[in-house]
Amino acid sequence: MFLWRKRAGAGWLAANEIALREIAGRRLAIVSEPAHRNAIAEIAGNSRRNLERIRSRFGGTIERLSRDWLKKILRGQKAKPVKIGKRLVIVSSSRSKNKNGNKITRLIVPASRAFGTGEHVTTAMSLRLLEKTTRFWGAQAASLHSSAACRRRLSKQVSASSRNRQAGSLRSPEAEWALLDLGTGSGILALAAAHFGVKRIIAIDNDPIAIATAMENARRNKIDRVDFKIADVRRWNFPKRVDIITANLFSELLIKILPKLKRARWLILSGVLREQESKVTRALKQNGIVVTEIRRRGKWIAILAQSLPESSRAQARDLANTR
């Protein structure tokens, strides 16, 4: 394992962070301390040649890490419990004290090489959006899913009886709602979804280490309903039906795969820097995806969005033609 590192000021980071993230994605870490003006940008990788390309463009240094580098880094570290709504708390060890008794389910996700223990703001915001979204099943989800204009049109032209029949045909969590987690990292979002009642879950990542870690976390939490896959989201064939897609990816990749993402009813997107917000929201609009909520913490944002199913689009068009 090798590590590229560069100490830089705020100006250099502002000018180069987006380019670095487009190259390294979630492997880029920015380490800063309140008492220091400069921060350290780091990228770990198995290939020195790839890191040499980064050094030739951005400067910095490369060092070879010892075999026990992870143990040294994690020695003495203790992740704080992360509470997600009233249904879940994420801890780093089974020995963590449970101050909430049995009222809140605990998900154990130790710190590891794979991204995502719940502490990073992009993961935390995604988890809270997922918890919020999965509260709304059945008719409530369908109502929230429809755009305001479509709801007004339906309320005027669809009879009460047909609305009741439509609500009765909607699937419930027990009827195998499906979630797709892209860039799963430690598997934290996929495992949280299982706790929130999602029955069919696929989690993919292009990093074999991440998938191995995620599978171990699933075994640790006795969760067997997640199908983990090593795949590139740009080339992978998405399932025809999916209710929720969570994607913690850098913005350029998110924009590139939006035509695939919009088949989902709900989208939870993160890994987006604040300065990229307008670019991403514009791309969502161009793909017919409605932004429902944007959360902002520090330099990061997370987006909850929804896409009207094709059947609903067709129904709305038919209703419009009968006017």
Protein backbone atom coordinates (compact mmCIF):
# COMPACT_ATOMS: atom_id res chain seq x y z
CA MET A 1 0.00 0.00 0.00
CA PHE A 2 1.23 3.48 -0.92
CA LEU A 3 0.19 6.93 0.25
CA TRP A 4 0.36 10.20 -1.69
CA ARG A 5 0.39 13.25 0.59
CA LYS A 6 0.54 17.00 0.08
CA ARG A 7 0.36 19.77 2.67
CA ALA A 8 -1.43 22.78 1.25
CA GLY A 9 -3.28 25.94 2.15
CA ALA A 10 -6.97 26.70 1.75
CA GLY A 11 -6.43 28.44 -1.59
CA TRP A 12 -4.66 25.47 -3.17
CA LEU A 13 -7.28 23.04 -1.86
CA ALA A 14 -10.15 25.19 -3.17
CA ALA A 15 -8.54 25.22 -6.62
CA ASN A 16 -7.65 21.51 -6.76
CA GLU A 17 -9.98 19.49 -4.55
CA ILE A 18 -12.61 18.91 -7.23
CA ALA A 19 -9.98 17.68 -9.71
CA LEU A 20 -8.48 15.39 -7.05
CA ARG A 21 -11.89 13.93 -6.21
CA GLU A 22 -12.61 13.27 -9.87
CA ILE A 23 -9.40 11.21 -9.97
CA ALA A 24 -9.49 9.53 -6.57
CA GLY A 25 -13.15 9.68 -5.50
CA ARG A 26 -13.59 8.64 -1.88
CA ARG A 27 -9.93 7.63 -1.56
CA LEU A 28 -9.11 11.33 -1.14
CA ALA A 29 -8.87 12.42 2.50
CA ILE A 30 -8.43 16.01 3.64
CA VAL A 31 -6.88 16.15 7.12
CA SER A 32 -7.10 19.48 8.90
CA GLU A 33 -6.59 20.73 12.44
CA PRO A 34 -8.19 23.85 13.95
CA ALA A 35 -4.84 25.23 15.11
CA HIS A 36 -3.19 24.96 11.68
CA ARG A 37 -3.81 27.06 8.58
CA ASN A 38 -2.70 24.33 6.21
CA ALA A 39 -4.35 20.96 5.64
CA ILE A 40 -3.02 17.66 4.29
CA ALA A 41 -4.48 15.96 1.22
CA GLU A 42 -3.94 12.19 1.14
CA ILE A 43 -4.72 9.43 -1.35
CA ALA A 44 -3.98 5.77 -0.62
CA GLY A 45 -3.60 3.15 -3.32
CA ASN A 46 -2.09 -0.20 -4.20
CA SER A 47 -0.35 1.13 -7.32
CA ARG A 48 2.62 3.45 -6.98
CA ARG A 49 2.43 4.17 -10.71
CA ASN A 50 -1.06 5.66 -10.39
CA LEU A 51 0.03 7.81 -7.47
CA GLU A 52 3.06 8.96 -9.46
CA ARG A 53 0.64 10.43 -12.02
CA ILE A 54 -1.03 12.37 -9.25
CA ARG A 55 2.31 13.60 -7.93
CA SER A 56 3.44 14.71 -11.38
CA ARG A 57 0.31 16.86 -11.68
CA PHE A 58 -0.20 18.13 -8.13
CA GLY A 59 3.19 17.73 -6.45
CA GLY A 60 3.48 16.18 -3.01
CA THR A 61 5.23 13.02 -1.82
CA ILE A 62 4.65 9.27 -1.94
CA GLU A 63 5.54 6.83 0.82
CA ARG A 64 5.20 3.08 1.17
CA LEU A 65 3.06 2.06 4.13
CA SER A 66 4.01 -0.79 6.45
CA ARG A 67 1.89 -3.92 6.46
CA ASP A 68 0.36 -3.04 9.83
CA TRP A 69 -0.37 0.58 8.86
CA LEU A 70 -4.09 0.23 9.51
CA LYS A 71 -3.60 -1.09 13.04
CA LYS A 72 -1.23 1.78 13.79
CA ILE A 73 -3.67 4.37 12.50
CA LEU A 74 -6.67 2.89 14.30
CA ARG A 75 -4.85 2.17 17.55
CA GLY A 76 -6.51 4.20 20.27
CA GLN A 77 -9.21 5.51 17.96
CA LYS A 78 -12.76 5.28 19.20
CA ALA A 79 -15.65 6.23 16.98
CA LYS A 80 -18.51 7.94 18.77
CA PRO A 81 -21.99 6.36 18.48
CA VAL A 82 -24.04 7.95 15.70
CA LYS A 83 -27.78 8.15 16.36
CA ILE A 84 -30.02 8.03 13.28
CA GLY A 85 -33.52 9.20 14.12
CA LYS A 86 -35.31 7.15 16.75
CA ARG A 87 -34.70 3.77 15.11
CA LEU A 88 -30.95 3.20 14.82
CA VAL A 89 -27.64 3.93 16.51
CA ILE A 90 -24.31 3.03 14.88
CA VAL A 91 -21.47 1.90 17.12
CA SER A 92 -17.93 0.74 16.42
CA SER A 93 -17.93 -2.26 18.74
CA SER A 94 -20.32 -4.76 20.30
CA ARG A 95 -18.79 -3.70 23.62
CA SER A 96 -20.13 -0.16 23.22
CA LYS A 97 -22.49 0.80 26.02
CA ASN A 98 -26.16 0.77 25.09
CA LYS A 99 -27.62 3.77 26.90
CA ASN A 100 -30.92 3.44 25.05
CA GLY A 101 -31.77 -0.03 26.30
CA ASN A 102 -33.57 -2.08 23.68
CA LYS A 103 -35.56 0.81 22.20
CA ILE A 104 -33.10 1.54 19.39
CA THR A 105 -31.49 -1.08 17.13
CA ARG A 106 -27.69 -1.04 17.10
CA LEU A 107 -25.64 -1.45 13.93
CA ILE A 108 -21.98 -2.37 14.49
CA VAL A 109 -19.59 -0.86 11.92
CA PRO A 110 -15.93 -0.85 13.04
CA ALA A 111 -13.46 1.62 11.55
CA SER A 112 -11.67 0.07 8.58
CA ARG A 113 -10.06 0.81 5.24
CA ALA A 114 -13.52 0.93 3.62
CA PHE A 115 -15.20 4.32 3.64
CA GLY A 116 -18.14 4.84 5.98
CA THR A 117 -18.52 4.50 9.74
CA GLY A 118 -21.38 7.00 9.96
CA GLU A 119 -19.17 9.79 11.28
CA HIS A 120 -18.34 11.42 7.94
CA VAL A 121 -20.92 14.09 7.17
CA THR A 122 -21.83 12.67 3.74
CA THR A 123 -22.58 9.27 5.28
CA ALA A 124 -24.43 10.76 8.26
CA MET A 125 -26.62 12.97 6.05
CA SER A 126 -27.40 10.04 3.75
CA LEU A 127 -28.33 7.83 6.70
CA ARG A 128 -30.72 10.44 8.08
CA LEU A 129 -32.33 10.97 4.68
CA LEU A 130 -32.71 7.20 4.32
CA GLU A 131 -34.29 6.92 7.77
CA LYS A 132 -36.68 9.74 6.92
CA THR A 133 -37.60 8.31 3.51
CA THR A 134 -38.31 4.82 4.81
CA ARG A 135 -40.84 6.16 7.28
CA PHE A 136 -43.12 6.88 4.31
CA TRP A 137 -44.34 3.62 2.83
CA GLY A 138 -47.44 2.78 0.86
CA ALA A 139 -49.86 5.57 0.03
CA GLN A 140 -47.82 8.19 1.89
CA ALA A 141 -44.77 7.44 -0.25
CA ALA A 142 -46.80 7.62 -3.42
CA SER A 143 -48.34 10.92 -2.37
CA LEU A 144 -44.97 12.44 -1.57
CA HIS A 145 -43.56 10.98 -4.76
CA SER A 146 -46.02 12.74 -7.07
CA SER A 147 -45.19 16.28 -8.09
CA ALA A 148 -47.42 19.07 -6.80
CA ALA A 149 -48.92 19.69 -10.22
CA CYS A 150 -49.66 16.02 -10.77
CA ARG A 151 -51.26 15.74 -7.32
CA ARG A 152 -53.57 18.67 -8.07
CA ARG A 153 -54.54 17.14 -11.40
CA LEU A 154 -55.16 13.73 -9.88
CA SER A 155 -57.20 15.15 -6.99
CA LYS A 156 -59.51 16.92 -9.42
CA GLN A 157 -59.99 14.14 -11.95
CA VAL A 158 -59.53 10.82 -10.20
CA SER A 159 -62.57 9.63 -8.23
CA ALA A 160 -62.36 8.73 -4.58
CA SER A 161 -63.00 5.07 -5.33
CA SER A 162 -60.22 4.86 -7.90
CA ARG A 163 -57.85 6.59 -5.51
CA ASN A 164 -58.68 4.01 -2.88
CA ARG A 165 -58.07 1.17 -5.33
CA GLN A 166 -54.76 2.77 -6.30
CA ALA A 167 -53.69 3.10 -2.65
CA GLY A 168 -54.68 -0.50 -2.00
CA SER A 169 -52.45 -1.74 -4.80
CA LEU A 170 -49.33 0.01 -3.53
CA ARG A 171 -46.59 -2.17 -2.14
CA SER A 172 -45.71 -2.12 1.53
CA PRO A 173 -42.24 -2.71 3.04
CA GLU A 174 -43.24 -6.34 3.55
CA ALA A 175 -43.91 -6.62 -0.20
CA GLU A 176 -40.18 -6.44 -0.89
CA TRP A 177 -39.26 -2.85 -1.53
CA ALA A 178 -35.92 -2.74 -3.35
CA LEU A 179 -32.89 -0.57 -2.62
CA LEU A 180 -29.68 -0.18 -4.62
CA ASP A 181 -26.61 1.19 -2.79
CA LEU A 182 -23.92 2.52 -5.13
CA GLY A 183 -20.40 2.94 -3.79
CA THR A 184 -21.34 0.96 -0.70
CA GLY A 185 -17.92 1.26 1.02
CA SER A 186 -18.35 -0.37 4.43
CA GLY A 187 -21.94 -1.30 3.53
CA ILE A 188 -23.35 1.03 6.15
CA LEU A 189 -26.25 2.40 4.09
CA ALA A 190 -27.27 -1.03 2.82
CA LEU A 191 -27.17 -2.50 6.34
CA ALA A 192 -29.10 0.46 7.75
CA ALA A 193 -31.73 -0.05 5.02
CA ALA A 194 -32.16 -3.65 6.20
CA HIS A 195 -32.82 -2.36 9.71
CA PHE A 196 -35.34 0.13 8.31
CA GLY A 197 -37.39 -2.66 6.71
CA VAL A 198 -36.16 -2.79 3.10
CA LYS A 199 -36.40 -6.41 1.96
CA ARG A 200 -34.40 -6.50 -1.30
CA ILE A 201 -31.00 -4.79 -1.25
CA ILE A 202 -28.13 -4.77 -3.74
CA ALA A 203 -24.88 -3.02 -2.79
CA ILE A 204 -22.05 -2.50 -5.27
CA ASP A 205 -18.55 -1.05 -5.19
CA ASN A 206 -15.61 -1.25 -7.57
CA ASP A 207 -13.19 -1.83 -4.68
CA PRO A 208 -12.83 -5.54 -3.70
CA ILE A 209 -11.54 -4.50 -0.26
CA ALA A 210 -14.69 -2.44 0.32
CA ILE A 211 -16.95 -5.34 -0.68
CA ALA A 212 -15.03 -7.78 1.54
CA THR A 213 -15.34 -5.33 4.45
CA ALA A 214 -19.04 -4.76 3.79
CA MET A 215 -19.72 -8.50 3.70
CA GLU A 216 -17.90 -8.92 7.00
CA ASN A 217 -19.98 -6.10 8.52
CA ALA A 218 -23.15 -7.85 7.29
CA ARG A 219 -22.05 -11.10 8.97
CA ARG A 220 -21.16 -9.19 12.13
CA ASN A 221 -24.69 -7.76 12.26
CA LYS A 222 -26.37 -11.05 11.19
CA ILE A 223 -27.86 -9.45 8.09
CA ASP A 224 -28.17 -11.80 5.10
CA ARG A 225 -30.57 -9.95 2.77
CA VAL A 226 -27.91 -7.78 1.07
CA ASP A 227 -26.47 -8.92 -2.27
CA PHE A 228 -22.95 -7.46 -2.48
CA LYS A 229 -21.32 -7.11 -5.91
CA ILE A 230 -17.98 -5.87 -7.24
CA ALA A 231 -18.89 -3.66 -10.21
CA ASP A 232 -18.35 -0.35 -11.97
CA VAL A 233 -21.56 1.70 -11.80
CA ARG A 234 -20.87 3.13 -15.27
CA ARG A 235 -20.99 -0.31 -16.91
CA TRP A 236 -23.18 -2.35 -14.57
CA ASN A 237 -26.69 -3.26 -15.77
CA PHE A 238 -29.12 -1.74 -13.28
CA PRO A 239 -32.22 -3.75 -12.27
CA LYS A 240 -35.44 -2.82 -14.06
CA ARG A 241 -37.24 -1.98 -10.83
CA VAL A 242 -35.80 -0.26 -7.80
CA ASP A 243 -37.55 1.92 -5.23
CA ILE A 244 -34.61 3.71 -3.61
CA ILE A 245 -31.07 4.35 -4.85
CA THR A 246 -28.43 5.63 -2.46
CA ALA A 247 -25.27 6.89 -4.14
CA ASN A 248 -22.31 8.30 -2.24
CA LEU A 249 -20.18 9.17 -5.28
CA PHE A 250 -18.37 12.22 -6.60
CA SER A 251 -20.50 14.65 -8.60
CA GLU A 252 -19.12 14.02 -12.09
CA LEU A 253 -19.90 10.31 -11.81
CA LEU A 254 -23.35 11.00 -10.39
CA ILE A 255 -24.19 13.27 -13.32
CA LYS A 256 -22.89 10.72 -15.82
CA ILE A 257 -25.12 7.91 -14.52
CA LEU A 258 -28.28 9.98 -13.89
CA PRO A 259 -30.11 8.36 -16.85
CA LYS A 260 -29.72 5.06 -14.98
CA LEU A 261 -30.56 6.52 -11.58
CA LYS A 262 -33.86 8.09 -12.59
CA ARG A 263 -35.55 4.69 -12.82
CA ALA A 264 -35.75 4.74 -9.01
CA ARG A 265 -38.62 6.35 -7.13
CA TRP A 266 -36.30 7.94 -4.59
CA LEU A 267 -32.69 9.06 -4.86
CA ILE A 268 -30.35 9.86 -1.97
CA LEU A 269 -27.20 11.43 -3.42
CA SER A 270 -24.11 12.53 -1.52
CA GLY A 271 -20.39 13.01 -1.97
CA VAL A 272 -21.17 16.40 -3.55
CA LEU A 273 -19.25 19.54 -2.60
CA ARG A 274 -21.21 22.76 -2.02
CA GLU A 275 -19.65 24.47 -5.01
CA GLN A 276 -20.96 21.63 -7.19
CA GLU A 277 -24.55 21.95 -5.92
CA SER A 278 -25.94 24.05 -8.79
CA LYS A 279 -24.30 21.81 -11.39
CA VAL A 280 -25.79 18.65 -9.88
CA THR A 281 -29.28 20.09 -9.30
CA ARG A 282 -29.34 21.42 -12.88
CA ALA A 283 -28.47 17.94 -14.18
CA LEU A 284 -31.23 16.42 -12.02
CA LYS A 285 -33.78 18.83 -13.47
CA GLN A 286 -32.65 18.04 -17.01
CA ASN A 287 -33.27 14.35 -16.30
CA GLY A 288 -36.78 14.97 -14.95
CA ILE A 289 -35.78 14.37 -11.33
CA VAL A 290 -37.34 16.60 -8.66
CA VAL A 291 -35.17 17.72 -5.72
CA THR A 292 -37.17 17.28 -2.51
CA GLU A 293 -34.59 18.25 0.09
CA ILE A 294 -30.97 19.40 0.29
CA ARG A 295 -28.96 19.06 3.48
CA ARG A 296 -25.73 20.99 3.96
CA ARG A 297 -22.96 20.44 6.49
CA GLY A 298 -19.60 22.12 6.14
CA LYS A 299 -18.45 21.87 2.53
CA TRP A 300 -20.69 18.89 1.72
CA ILE A 301 -24.31 18.44 0.64
CA ALA A 302 -26.70 15.50 0.40
CA ILE A 303 -29.76 15.48 -1.83
CA LEU A 304 -33.09 13.69 -1.53
CA ALA A 305 -34.82 13.57 -4.91
CA GLN A 306 -37.69 11.75 -6.57
CA SER A 307 -38.53 10.63 -10.07
CA LEU A 308 -42.08 10.10 -11.29
CA PRO A 309 -42.56 6.50 -12.52
CA GLU A 310 -43.34 6.08 -16.21
CA SER A 311 -46.79 4.70 -15.35
CA SER A 312 -47.59 7.87 -13.39
CA ARG A 313 -46.28 10.01 -16.24
CA ALA A 314 -48.55 8.17 -18.67
CA GLN A 315 -51.53 8.53 -16.33
CA ALA A 316 -50.87 12.24 -15.93
CA ARG A 317 -50.66 12.63 -19.74
CA ASP A 318 -53.95 10.72 -20.20
CA LEU A 319 -55.68 12.88 -17.61
CA ALA A 320 -54.37 16.03 -19.28
CA ASN A 321 -55.72 14.86 -22.65
CA THR A 322 -59.22 14.35 -21.26
CA ARG A 323 -59.57 17.98 -20.17
